[in-house]
Amino acid sequence: MSVQLYNRFLALLVLMVLAAAVALAFRPVRRAGGGLGLDRSWRWSAFLLAAAATAGSLIFSEVIGYEPCELCWYQRITMYPMVVIFGVDLLGGQGDSRVRRYALPLALAGLAISVYHYLVQVFPDAGAGVCGTGVPCSARYVEEFGFVSIPFMAGAVFALIVAILLAFGRPDQQENP
């Protein structure tokens, strides 16, 4: 698969992820007080999102050769542990009611960094001095459809993970798998 085709494929996937995040954020609440419990299918979804984002970032850097900037590293630092957190949760079988406590702060931090990084790409003067030596944070290796860049992709995944955890991750309403 060519790099251009890979970039286009990921951009399309990310747009679908973003649509899912928006749909999940605006879904009607079924119970007074909130979510439905993080059942097994949603736990798998969160795990697969984090794993796919991790694999995608590693393919970008290790296979394609895109050197990550400083903000990219911070996003990786927040995404990679979520693969382990959701993976351990799935291995436990019953679902750890504390998964939200561990994953939500990481996902929110990653989302904030992604949004800031995207703004630095759109308005390069806003990020003057953010990245030290090496690759500038305003560099765009990927720009599909005129707006989908790597920080945009990461932000969409973080947004959907946040939506999943907020909608289905209430520890007091866990459902058995």
C-alpha atoms as a PDB file:
ATOM      1  CA  MET A   1       0.000   0.000   0.000  1.00  0.00           C
ATOM      2  CA  SER A   2       1.406   3.396  -0.920  1.00  0.00           C
ATOM      3  CA  VAL A   3       1.889   6.103   1.696  1.00  0.00           C
ATOM      4  CA  GLN A   4      -0.704   8.301   0.007  1.00  0.00           C
ATOM      5  CA  LEU A   5      -3.274   5.487  -0.006  1.00  0.00           C
ATOM      6  CA  TYR A   6      -2.489   4.679   3.642  1.00  0.00           C
ATOM      7  CA  ASN A   7      -2.961   8.341   4.600  1.00  0.00           C
ATOM      8  CA  ARG A   8      -6.278   8.532   2.729  1.00  0.00           C
ATOM      9  CA  PHE A   9      -7.491   5.265   4.302  1.00  0.00           C
ATOM     10  CA  LEU A  10      -6.672   6.486   7.817  1.00  0.00           C
ATOM     11  CA  ALA A  11      -8.280   9.857   7.129  1.00  0.00           C
ATOM     12  CA  LEU A  12     -11.520   8.156   6.069  1.00  0.00           C
ATOM     13  CA  LEU A  13     -11.447   5.915   9.147  1.00  0.00           C
ATOM     14  CA  VAL A  14     -10.906   8.925  11.369  1.00  0.00           C
ATOM     15  CA  LEU A  15     -13.851  10.767   9.861  1.00  0.00           C
ATOM     16  CA  MET A  16     -16.007   7.728  10.680  1.00  0.00           C
ATOM     17  CA  VAL A  17     -14.583   7.704  14.224  1.00  0.00           C
ATOM     18  CA  LEU A  18     -15.418  11.377  14.589  1.00  0.00           C
ATOM     19  CA  ALA A  19     -18.974  10.779  13.369  1.00  0.00           C
ATOM     20  CA  ALA A  20     -19.321   7.985  15.938  1.00  0.00           C
ATOM     21  CA  ALA A  21     -18.035  10.274  18.702  1.00  0.00           C
ATOM     22  CA  VAL A  22     -20.554  12.970  17.784  1.00  0.00           C
ATOM     23  CA  ALA A  23     -23.397  10.445  17.580  1.00  0.00           C
ATOM     24  CA  LEU A  24     -22.428   8.966  20.938  1.00  0.00           C
ATOM     25  CA  ALA A  25     -22.130  12.386  22.563  1.00  0.00           C
ATOM     26  CA  PHE A  26     -25.636  13.361  21.462  1.00  0.00           C
ATOM     27  CA  ARG A  27     -27.385  10.052  22.004  1.00  0.00           C
ATOM     28  CA  PRO A  28     -30.460  10.107  24.240  1.00  0.00           C
ATOM     29  CA  VAL A  29     -29.793   9.136  27.844  1.00  0.00           C
ATOM     30  CA  ARG A  30     -31.762   6.005  28.688  1.00  0.00           C
ATOM     31  CA  ARG A  31     -31.594   6.193  32.442  1.00  0.00           C
ATOM     32  CA  ALA A  32     -31.915   9.106  34.788  1.00  0.00           C
ATOM     33  CA  GLY A  33     -28.429   9.956  35.876  1.00  0.00           C
ATOM     34  CA  GLY A  34     -26.356   8.710  33.017  1.00  0.00           C
ATOM     35  CA  GLY A  35     -24.635   5.892  31.288  1.00  0.00           C
ATOM     36  CA  LEU A  36     -25.364   2.265  30.691  1.00  0.00           C
ATOM     37  CA  GLY A  37     -22.242   0.629  32.060  1.00  0.00           C
ATOM     38  CA  LEU A  38     -19.129  -0.247  30.114  1.00  0.00           C
ATOM     39  CA  ASP A  39     -20.217  -3.607  28.713  1.00  0.00           C
ATOM     40  CA  ARG A  40     -17.861  -5.927  26.870  1.00  0.00           C
ATOM     41  CA  SER A  41     -18.529  -4.584  23.357  1.00  0.00           C
ATOM     42  CA  TRP A  42     -17.736  -1.006  24.364  1.00  0.00           C
ATOM     43  CA  ARG A  43     -14.653  -2.150  26.266  1.00  0.00           C
ATOM     44  CA  TRP A  44     -13.503  -3.921  23.090  1.00  0.00           C
ATOM     45  CA  SER A  45     -14.222  -0.787  21.062  1.00  0.00           C
ATOM     46  CA  ALA A  46     -12.098   1.377  23.368  1.00  0.00           C
ATOM     47  CA  PHE A  47      -9.282  -1.194  23.285  1.00  0.00           C
ATOM     48  CA  LEU A  48      -9.357  -1.477  19.488  1.00  0.00           C
ATOM     49  CA  LEU A  49      -9.382   2.309  19.058  1.00  0.00           C
ATOM     50  CA  ALA A  50      -6.344   2.725  21.310  1.00  0.00           C
ATOM     51  CA  ALA A  51      -4.549  -0.225  19.677  1.00  0.00           C
ATOM     52  CA  ALA A  52      -5.259   1.040  16.151  1.00  0.00           C
ATOM     53  CA  ALA A  53      -4.067   4.549  17.037  1.00  0.00           C
ATOM     54  CA  THR A  54      -0.911   3.106  18.582  1.00  0.00           C
ATOM     55  CA  ALA A  55      -0.262   0.914  15.547  1.00  0.00           C
ATOM     56  CA  GLY A  56      -0.958   3.826  13.204  1.00  0.00           C
ATOM     57  CA  SER A  57       1.505   6.090  14.992  1.00  0.00           C
ATOM     58  CA  LEU A  58       4.167   3.388  14.950  1.00  0.00           C
ATOM     59  CA  ILE A  59       3.614   2.777  11.235  1.00  0.00           C
ATOM     60  CA  PHE A  60       3.934   6.508  10.579  1.00  0.00           C
ATOM     61  CA  SER A  61       7.227   6.740  12.467  1.00  0.00           C
ATOM     62  CA  GLU A  62       8.879   3.336  12.079  1.00  0.00           C
ATOM     63  CA  VAL A  63       7.688   2.186   8.644  1.00  0.00           C
ATOM     64  CA  ILE A  64       6.961   5.373   6.713  1.00  0.00           C
ATOM     65  CA  GLY A  65       9.677   7.366   8.462  1.00  0.00           C
ATOM     66  CA  TYR A  66       7.773  10.405   9.755  1.00  0.00           C
ATOM     67  CA  GLU A  67       9.731  11.770  12.702  1.00  0.00           C
ATOM     68  CA  PRO A  68       7.397  12.691  15.590  1.00  0.00           C
ATOM     69  CA  CYS A  69       7.571  16.196  17.041  1.00  0.00           C
ATOM     70  CA  GLU A  70       7.450  16.950  20.758  1.00  0.00           C
ATOM     71  CA  LEU A  71       3.651  17.288  20.878  1.00  0.00           C
ATOM     72  CA  CYS A  72       3.335  14.005  18.956  1.00  0.00           C
ATOM     73  CA  TRP A  73       5.355  12.327  21.700  1.00  0.00           C
ATOM     74  CA  TYR A  74       3.058  13.717  24.380  1.00  0.00           C
ATOM     75  CA  GLN A  75       0.049  12.352  22.504  1.00  0.00           C
ATOM     76  CA  ARG A  76       1.765   8.968  22.281  1.00  0.00           C
ATOM     77  CA  ILE A  77       2.488   9.075  26.012  1.00  0.00           C
ATOM     78  CA  THR A  78      -1.241   9.405  26.664  1.00  0.00           C
ATOM     79  CA  MET A  79      -2.432   6.900  24.008  1.00  0.00           C
ATOM     80  CA  TYR A  80      -0.057   3.958  24.446  1.00  0.00           C
ATOM     81  CA  PRO A  81      -0.897   3.200  28.118  1.00  0.00           C
ATOM     82  CA  MET A  82      -4.600   3.026  27.251  1.00  0.00           C
ATOM     83  CA  VAL A  83      -3.914  -0.091  25.156  1.00  0.00           C
ATOM     84  CA  VAL A  84      -2.576  -1.740  28.309  1.00  0.00           C
ATOM     85  CA  ILE A  85      -5.355  -0.368  30.539  1.00  0.00           C
ATOM     86  CA  PHE A  86      -8.154  -1.550  28.245  1.00  0.00           C
ATOM     87  CA  GLY A  87      -6.315  -4.811  27.502  1.00  0.00           C
ATOM     88  CA  VAL A  88      -5.949  -5.679  31.184  1.00  0.00           C
ATOM     89  CA  ASP A  89      -9.599  -4.751  31.687  1.00  0.00           C
ATOM     90  CA  LEU A  90     -10.624  -7.176  28.930  1.00  0.00           C
ATOM     91  CA  LEU A  91      -8.394  -9.959  30.252  1.00  0.00           C
ATOM     92  CA  GLY A  92     -10.079  -9.664  33.639  1.00  0.00           C
ATOM     93  CA  GLY A  93     -13.339 -10.854  32.093  1.00  0.00           C
ATOM     94  CA  GLN A  94     -15.736  -9.087  34.457  1.00  0.00           C
ATOM     95  CA  GLY A  95     -14.673  -5.570  33.567  1.00  0.00           C
ATOM     96  CA  ASP A  96     -12.797  -3.428  36.035  1.00  0.00           C
ATOM     97  CA  SER A  97     -15.064  -0.662  37.265  1.00  0.00           C
ATOM     98  CA  ARG A  98     -11.961   1.477  37.794  1.00  0.00           C
ATOM     99  CA  VAL A  99     -10.980   1.518  34.103  1.00  0.00           C
ATOM    100  CA  ARG A 100     -12.643   4.903  33.710  1.00  0.00           C
ATOM    101  CA  ARG A 101     -10.588   6.312  36.572  1.00  0.00           C
ATOM    102  CA  TYR A 102      -7.361   5.328  34.809  1.00  0.00           C
ATOM    103  CA  ALA A 103      -8.221   5.914  31.152  1.00  0.00           C
ATOM    104  CA  LEU A 104     -10.316   9.089  31.254  1.00  0.00           C
ATOM    105  CA  PRO A 105      -7.545  11.428  32.497  1.00  0.00           C
ATOM    106  CA  LEU A 106      -5.197  10.066  29.825  1.00  0.00           C
ATOM    107  CA  ALA A 107      -7.807  10.460  27.086  1.00  0.00           C
ATOM    108  CA  LEU A 108      -8.718  14.000  28.175  1.00  0.00           C
ATOM    109  CA  ALA A 109      -5.054  15.035  28.344  1.00  0.00           C
ATOM    110  CA  GLY A 110      -4.413  13.483  24.934  1.00  0.00           C
ATOM    111  CA  LEU A 111      -7.454  15.247  23.485  1.00  0.00           C
ATOM    112  CA  ALA A 112      -6.287  18.607  24.846  1.00  0.00           C
ATOM    113  CA  ILE A 113      -2.784  18.090  23.429  1.00  0.00           C
ATOM    114  CA  SER A 114      -4.213  17.012  20.064  1.00  0.00           C
ATOM    115  CA  VAL A 115      -6.456  20.070  19.834  1.00  0.00           C
ATOM    116  CA  TYR A 116      -3.560  22.355  20.727  1.00  0.00           C
ATOM    117  CA  HIS A 117      -1.265  20.591  18.244  1.00  0.00           C
ATOM    118  CA  TYR A 118      -3.859  20.934  15.497  1.00  0.00           C
ATOM    119  CA  LEU A 119      -4.193  24.650  16.272  1.00  0.00           C
ATOM    120  CA  VAL A 120      -0.399  24.984  16.070  1.00  0.00           C
ATOM    121  CA  GLN A 121      -0.563  23.426  12.612  1.00  0.00           C
ATOM    122  CA  VAL A 122      -3.369  25.734  11.489  1.00  0.00           C
ATOM    123  CA  PHE A 123      -1.851  28.840  13.116  1.00  0.00           C
ATOM    124  CA  PRO A 124       1.933  28.224  13.232  1.00  0.00           C
ATOM    125  CA  ASP A 125       2.634  31.497  15.057  1.00  0.00           C
ATOM    126  CA  ALA A 126       0.514  30.287  17.991  1.00  0.00           C
ATOM    127  CA  GLY A 127       3.012  27.527  18.690  1.00  0.00           C
ATOM    128  CA  ALA A 128       6.202  29.526  18.417  1.00  0.00           C
ATOM    129  CA  GLY A 129       8.700  27.989  20.803  1.00  0.00           C
ATOM    130  CA  VAL A 130       6.531  24.991  21.717  1.00  0.00           C
ATOM    131  CA  CYS A 131       8.755  22.424  20.089  1.00  0.00           C
ATOM    132  CA  GLY A 132      12.433  22.685  20.790  1.00  0.00           C
ATOM    133  CA  THR A 133      14.969  21.223  18.434  1.00  0.00           C
ATOM    134  CA  GLY A 134      13.997  18.691  15.831  1.00  0.00           C
ATOM    135  CA  VAL A 135      10.779  18.516  13.877  1.00  0.00           C
ATOM    136  CA  PRO A 136       8.614  21.644  14.197  1.00  0.00           C
ATOM    137  CA  CYS A 137       5.168  20.992  15.655  1.00  0.00           C
ATOM    138  CA  SER A 138       3.632  22.931  12.775  1.00  0.00           C
ATOM    139  CA  ALA A 139       4.949  20.387  10.225  1.00  0.00           C
ATOM    140  CA  ARG A 140       2.221  18.497   8.350  1.00  0.00           C
ATOM    141  CA  TYR A 141       3.218  15.076   7.089  1.00  0.00           C
ATOM    142  CA  VAL A 142      -0.406  14.282   6.311  1.00  0.00           C
ATOM    143  CA  GLU A 143      -3.117  16.608   5.051  1.00  0.00           C
ATOM    144  CA  GLU A 144      -6.102  14.778   3.626  1.00  0.00           C
ATOM    145  CA  PHE A 145      -9.284  16.534   2.507  1.00  0.00           C
ATOM    146  CA  GLY A 146      -7.612  19.844   3.359  1.00  0.00           C
ATOM    147  CA  PHE A 147      -7.904  19.461   7.140  1.00  0.00           C
ATOM    148  CA  VAL A 148      -7.181  15.910   8.357  1.00  0.00           C
ATOM    149  CA  SER A 149      -3.669  15.805   9.793  1.00  0.00           C
ATOM    150  CA  ILE A 150      -2.032  13.414  12.256  1.00  0.00           C
ATOM    151  CA  PRO A 151      -3.040  15.479  15.342  1.00  0.00           C
ATOM    152  CA  PHE A 152      -6.588  15.662  13.956  1.00  0.00           C
ATOM    153  CA  MET A 153      -6.622  11.863  13.648  1.00  0.00           C
ATOM    154  CA  ALA A 154      -5.330  11.431  17.193  1.00  0.00           C
ATOM    155  CA  GLY A 155      -7.841  13.961  18.509  1.00  0.00           C
ATOM    156  CA  ALA A 156     -10.741  12.114  16.889  1.00  0.00           C
ATOM    157  CA  VAL A 157      -9.691   8.842  18.525  1.00  0.00           C
ATOM    158  CA  PHE A 158      -9.224  10.534  21.907  1.00  0.00           C
ATOM    159  CA  ALA A 159     -12.668  12.160  21.523  1.00  0.00           C
ATOM    160  CA  LEU A 160     -14.374   8.831  20.841  1.00  0.00           C
ATOM    161  CA  ILE A 161     -12.598   7.151  23.759  1.00  0.00           C
ATOM    162  CA  VAL A 162     -13.718  10.017  26.021  1.00  0.00           C
ATOM    163  CA  ALA A 163     -17.282   9.687  24.694  1.00  0.00           C
ATOM    164  CA  ILE A 164     -17.256   5.916  25.307  1.00  0.00           C
ATOM    165  CA  LEU A 165     -15.926   6.322  28.836  1.00  0.00           C
ATOM    166  CA  LEU A 166     -18.411   9.063  29.699  1.00  0.00           C
ATOM    167  CA  ALA A 167     -21.403   7.352  28.107  1.00  0.00           C
ATOM    168  CA  PHE A 168     -20.732   3.782  29.155  1.00  0.00           C
ATOM    169  CA  GLY A 169     -18.054   3.897  31.825  1.00  0.00           C
ATOM    170  CA  ARG A 170     -20.003   4.736  34.940  1.00  0.00           C
ATOM    171  CA  PRO A 171     -18.559   2.524  37.663  1.00  0.00           C
ATOM    172  CA  ASP A 172     -21.870   2.297  39.546  1.00  0.00           C
ATOM    173  CA  GLN A 173     -23.716   0.939  36.504  1.00  0.00           C
ATOM    174  CA  GLN A 174     -21.427  -1.821  35.265  1.00  0.00           C
ATOM    175  CA  GLU A 175     -23.005  -4.542  33.190  1.00  0.00           C
ATOM    176  CA  ASN A 176     -21.661  -8.055  33.111  1.00  0.00           C
ATOM    177  CA  PRO A 177     -20.268  -9.217  29.765  1.00  0.00           C
END
